[in-house]
Protein backbone atom coordinates (compact mmCIF):
# COMPACT_ATOMS: atom_id res chain seq x y z
CA MET A 1 -20.64 -16.29 -3.77
CA GLN A 2 -19.73 -15.72 -7.40
CA THR A 3 -16.51 -16.89 -9.01
CA ALA A 4 -15.04 -16.21 -12.44
CA ILE A 5 -12.12 -17.40 -14.48
CA VAL A 6 -9.88 -14.38 -15.05
CA GLU A 7 -6.49 -13.58 -16.49
CA ILE A 8 -4.09 -12.03 -13.97
CA LEU A 9 -1.29 -9.81 -15.27
CA LEU A 10 1.47 -10.36 -12.74
CA ASN A 11 2.74 -6.95 -11.63
CA GLY A 12 0.60 -5.54 -14.45
CA ASN A 13 2.82 -7.12 -17.12
CA ILE A 14 0.92 -8.49 -20.13
CA GLN A 15 3.80 -10.89 -20.85
CA HIS A 16 3.48 -12.58 -17.45
CA THR A 17 -0.04 -13.89 -16.96
CA VAL A 18 -1.84 -16.56 -14.98
CA THR A 19 -5.40 -17.79 -15.51
CA ARG A 20 -7.37 -18.72 -12.37
CA ARG A 21 -10.84 -19.04 -10.94
CA VAL A 22 -11.23 -16.29 -8.33
CA THR A 23 -13.82 -14.74 -6.04
CA PRO A 24 -14.70 -11.02 -5.90
CA ALA A 25 -12.69 -10.51 -2.69
CA GLU A 26 -9.74 -12.26 -4.30
CA ILE A 27 -9.94 -9.83 -7.24
CA VAL A 28 -9.62 -6.93 -4.80
CA LEU A 29 -6.54 -8.54 -3.22
CA LEU A 30 -4.96 -9.31 -6.59
CA LYS A 31 -5.47 -5.71 -7.74
CA HIS A 32 -3.83 -4.51 -4.52
CA ILE A 33 -0.85 -6.82 -5.09
CA HIS A 34 -0.42 -6.53 -8.89
CA GLY A 35 -2.07 -3.20 -9.81
CA ASP A 36 -5.52 -1.86 -10.66
CA ASP A 37 -5.48 -3.17 -14.25
CA SER A 38 -4.09 -6.60 -13.40
CA VAL A 39 -7.31 -8.66 -13.45
CA VAL A 40 -8.92 -8.92 -16.89
CA ALA A 41 -11.16 -10.99 -19.16
CA PRO A 42 -13.67 -12.58 -16.78
CA VAL A 43 -15.41 -15.66 -18.21
CA GLU A 44 -17.47 -18.59 -16.97
CA ILE A 45 -19.08 -16.98 -13.96
CA GLU A 46 -20.62 -19.41 -11.50
CA SER A 47 -21.87 -19.41 -7.94
CA VAL A 48 -20.42 -21.47 -5.10
CA LYS A 49 -21.63 -21.94 -1.54
CA ARG A 50 -19.08 -20.33 0.78
CA SER A 51 -19.64 -18.30 3.93
CA ASN A 52 -17.98 -14.95 4.56
CA ALA A 53 -15.92 -16.51 7.38
CA ASP A 54 -14.74 -19.35 5.13
CA GLU A 55 -13.74 -16.87 2.40
CA VAL A 56 -11.87 -14.65 4.89
CA ASN A 57 -9.95 -17.65 6.25
CA ARG A 58 -9.18 -18.97 2.75
CA LEU A 59 -7.83 -15.62 1.58
CA LYS A 60 -5.71 -15.14 4.72
CA LEU A 61 -4.16 -18.57 4.18
CA GLN A 62 -3.59 -18.00 0.46
CA TYR A 63 -2.28 -14.41 0.52
CA GLY A 64 -1.12 -13.94 4.10
CA ASP A 65 -2.71 -12.14 7.01
CA GLU A 66 -0.76 -8.93 6.38
CA ALA A 67 -1.85 -8.55 2.74
CA PHE A 68 -5.43 -9.41 3.64
CA LYS A 69 -5.60 -6.85 6.48
CA ALA A 70 -4.11 -4.15 4.22
CA VAL A 71 -7.17 -4.48 1.98
CA PHE A 72 -9.84 -5.65 4.44
CA PRO A 73 -9.15 -4.20 7.92
CA GLY A 74 -10.91 -5.52 11.00
CA ALA A 75 -11.25 -8.82 12.81
CA MET A 76 -13.88 -10.35 10.51
CA PRO A 77 -14.68 -7.93 7.67
CA LYS A 78 -17.54 -8.48 5.24
CA VAL A 79 -15.86 -9.26 1.92
CA PRO A 80 -17.57 -8.78 -1.46
CA SER A 81 -19.41 -11.82 -2.75
CA GLU A 82 -20.74 -10.51 -6.09
CA LEU A 83 -18.54 -9.56 -9.02
CA SER A 84 -20.57 -6.40 -9.59
CA GLU A 85 -19.47 -5.21 -6.12
CA VAL A 86 -15.86 -5.01 -7.35
CA GLY A 87 -16.59 -3.50 -10.77
CA VAL A 88 -16.31 -6.67 -12.86
CA ASP A 89 -18.58 -6.84 -15.90
CA THR A 90 -20.84 -9.83 -15.38
CA GLY A 91 -21.73 -10.16 -19.07
CA ALA A 92 -19.71 -13.38 -19.22
CA LYS A 93 -21.44 -16.75 -19.51
CA ALA A 94 -23.03 -17.52 -16.16
CA LYS A 95 -23.53 -20.84 -14.44
CA ASP A 96 -26.00 -20.20 -11.63
CA GLU A 97 -26.05 -23.62 -10.04
CA PRO A 98 -24.40 -23.34 -6.59
CA LYS A 99 -21.64 -25.82 -5.83
CA ALA A 100 -20.44 -26.90 -2.42
């Protein structure tokens, strides 16, 4: 699963930003919560070892079951694992070595 460090514009406001390492599925959730243009400037892309089930559980814990199900309906949906699946330009510097 790929991750990237991105800047998140809280509620789409350029004056209120947070920088975090996120996964592709997390980008989809953040865009749902803060707006379509809220996740910008991806850098330092790297791969981590994480199963779909682990990512689903992590996101439900972090963002709440209700927010997760609004974006990814179903009992155990397949969430995106590649940044290209969610429309993020992967031209940033990549680190391909998987981490546990």
